[in-house]
Amino acid sequence: MNQLTITLRVSQLLTLDQTADRSNPHESCALLLGKRRENVYDVEEVIPVSNKYSSEVSFAMDENELLKIYKYAELSNTSVVGIFHSHPSKPFPSDTDKTFMEINPVPWIIKSTITDEMRCFIFSDVLKGKIDGIEEIKMIVVKD
């Protein structure tokens, strides 16, 4: 079985960095639109979304923005292939993240605003040997 990966362009990674920096110390969030082909999630567009909580420890995407983005994705023949948010701590899923990752089983990119490290995780069924159902996946950054 091939390893799951997510691919982003350098400019998209920069957008994620800027989104996190602008919101710091609050958590930031964004949806990643694109296409999935077998074990690869290809990001075509990064769309920052307002965190309606304005919180340092949690985020909730604005429902009106989400609706517009999902309609836009449908019109542009793409889908949500990832979710991004920042943490004011290490770039690992919180217990709350893990709950929502199971509901939204796409790659979740988490950026630490302390270390600037970015990592990506996905919910994986427990039958694959993952105790908490979460596994890290490889992020591949390509030139624009």
Protein backbone atom coordinates (compact mmCIF):
# COMPACT_ATOMS: atom_id res chain seq x y z
CA MET A 1 0.00 0.00 0.00
CA ASN A 2 1.36 3.41 -0.99
CA GLN A 3 1.76 6.09 1.63
CA LEU A 4 -0.78 8.91 1.64
CA THR A 5 0.65 12.30 0.69
CA ILE A 6 -0.56 15.84 0.23
CA THR A 7 1.03 18.14 -2.34
CA LEU A 8 1.11 21.93 -2.13
CA ARG A 9 2.88 24.63 -4.09
CA VAL A 10 5.38 26.97 -2.42
CA SER A 11 2.95 29.89 -2.77
CA GLN A 12 0.21 27.90 -1.03
CA LEU A 13 2.54 27.09 1.85
CA LEU A 14 3.32 30.81 2.09
CA THR A 15 -0.42 31.57 2.23
CA LEU A 16 -0.81 29.14 5.13
CA ASP A 17 2.15 30.76 6.93
CA GLN A 18 0.71 34.24 6.43
CA THR A 19 -2.75 33.12 7.56
CA ALA A 20 -1.29 31.78 10.81
CA ASP A 21 0.91 34.84 11.34
CA ARG A 22 -1.98 37.29 10.83
CA SER A 23 -4.17 35.52 13.39
CA ASN A 24 -1.49 34.90 16.00
CA PRO A 25 -1.98 34.52 18.98
CA HIS A 26 -5.42 33.19 17.93
CA GLU A 27 -5.82 29.97 15.97
CA SER A 28 -6.25 30.43 12.23
CA CYS A 29 -7.94 28.14 9.75
CA ALA A 30 -8.29 27.51 6.03
CA LEU A 31 -9.79 25.02 3.61
CA LEU A 32 -7.65 23.36 0.97
CA LEU A 33 -9.43 22.73 -2.32
CA GLY A 34 -8.23 20.37 -5.00
CA LYS A 35 -8.49 16.80 -6.18
CA ARG A 36 -7.58 13.40 -4.85
CA ARG A 37 -5.95 10.82 -7.06
CA GLU A 38 -5.46 7.49 -5.36
CA ASN A 39 -3.19 8.16 -2.36
CA VAL A 40 -2.34 11.77 -3.25
CA TYR A 41 -4.30 14.84 -2.20
CA ASP A 42 -3.41 17.62 -4.67
CA VAL A 43 -4.06 21.11 -3.33
CA GLU A 44 -5.11 23.54 -6.05
CA GLU A 45 -6.28 26.43 -3.87
CA VAL A 46 -5.97 27.61 -0.27
CA ILE A 47 -8.89 29.61 1.10
CA PRO A 48 -8.44 31.19 4.54
CA VAL A 49 -11.61 31.10 6.66
CA SER A 50 -12.51 33.27 9.65
CA ASN A 51 -12.20 31.67 13.06
CA LYS A 52 -15.46 32.73 14.64
CA TYR A 53 -14.11 31.89 18.11
CA SER A 54 -11.12 34.27 18.01
CA SER A 55 -9.53 31.84 20.43
CA GLU A 56 -5.96 30.86 21.24
CA VAL A 57 -6.95 27.23 21.82
CA SER A 58 -9.75 26.39 19.39
CA PHE A 59 -11.30 27.28 16.07
CA ALA A 60 -14.65 27.11 14.36
CA MET A 61 -15.04 28.06 10.74
CA ASP A 62 -17.72 30.59 9.89
CA GLU A 63 -20.72 28.68 8.48
CA ASN A 64 -21.58 31.33 5.87
CA GLU A 65 -18.03 31.29 4.52
CA LEU A 66 -18.05 27.49 4.48
CA LEU A 67 -21.25 27.39 2.46
CA LYS A 68 -19.81 29.81 -0.13
CA ILE A 69 -16.58 27.82 -0.35
CA TYR A 70 -18.39 24.49 -0.83
CA LYS A 71 -20.54 26.04 -3.59
CA TYR A 72 -17.42 27.49 -5.20
CA ALA A 73 -15.67 24.09 -4.99
CA GLU A 74 -18.61 22.42 -6.70
CA LEU A 75 -18.62 25.00 -9.50
CA SER A 76 -14.85 24.68 -9.97
CA ASN A 77 -14.99 20.87 -10.01
CA THR A 78 -12.84 20.55 -6.89
CA SER A 79 -13.47 19.33 -3.38
CA VAL A 80 -12.10 19.93 0.09
CA VAL A 81 -8.89 17.91 0.18
CA GLY A 82 -7.56 19.32 3.43
CA ILE A 83 -8.07 21.49 6.47
CA PHE A 84 -5.46 23.82 7.93
CA HIS A 85 -5.23 25.43 11.32
CA SER A 86 -2.58 26.80 13.62
CA HIS A 87 -1.71 25.90 17.18
CA PRO A 88 0.01 28.09 19.78
CA SER A 89 1.85 24.92 20.79
CA LYS A 90 3.27 21.85 19.06
CA PRO A 91 1.88 20.90 15.63
CA PHE A 92 -0.05 17.83 16.74
CA PRO A 93 -3.81 17.19 16.82
CA SER A 94 -5.58 18.01 20.07
CA ASP A 95 -8.28 15.70 21.41
CA THR A 96 -10.88 18.05 19.90
CA ASP A 97 -9.04 17.96 16.56
CA LYS A 98 -9.09 14.16 16.62
CA THR A 99 -12.86 14.14 17.07
CA PHE A 100 -13.37 16.45 14.10
CA MET A 101 -10.76 14.62 12.02
CA GLU A 102 -12.89 11.50 12.21
CA ILE A 103 -15.90 13.48 10.94
CA ASN A 104 -13.77 15.19 8.24
CA PRO A 105 -11.39 12.43 7.07
CA VAL A 106 -9.13 14.58 4.90
CA PRO A 107 -5.54 15.64 5.65
CA TRP A 108 -5.25 18.21 8.45
CA ILE A 109 -2.21 20.48 8.30
CA ILE A 110 -1.30 21.99 11.65
CA LYS A 111 1.23 24.79 12.06
CA SER A 112 2.87 25.63 15.37
CA THR A 113 3.07 29.40 15.79
CA ILE A 114 5.82 28.83 18.36
CA THR A 115 8.21 26.67 16.31
CA ASP A 116 6.88 27.47 12.79
CA GLU A 117 6.83 23.71 12.17
CA MET A 118 4.03 22.37 9.96
CA ARG A 119 2.87 18.75 10.02
CA CYS A 120 0.02 16.88 8.40
CA PHE A 121 -2.26 14.19 9.85
CA ILE A 122 -5.28 12.19 8.77
CA PHE A 123 -7.83 10.02 10.52
CA SER A 124 -7.10 6.41 9.75
CA ASP A 125 -9.30 3.56 10.84
CA VAL A 126 -8.16 1.72 13.93
CA LEU A 127 -7.96 -1.56 11.99
CA LYS A 128 -4.77 -0.31 10.36
CA GLY A 129 -3.05 -0.49 13.73
CA LYS A 130 -3.28 3.16 14.71
CA ILE A 131 -4.29 3.26 18.34
CA ASP A 132 -5.86 6.70 18.32
CA GLY A 133 -6.93 6.56 14.68
CA ILE A 134 -4.55 9.32 13.60
CA GLU A 135 -1.52 8.95 11.36
CA GLU A 136 0.96 11.47 10.05
CA ILE A 137 1.17 11.82 6.29
CA LYS A 138 3.89 13.25 4.11
CA MET A 139 3.65 16.81 2.81
CA ILE A 140 5.28 17.42 -0.56
CA VAL A 141 5.96 21.03 -1.53
CA VAL A 142 6.49 21.69 -5.24
CA LYS A 143 7.61 24.79 -7.11
CA ASP A 144 4.95 27.12 -8.49
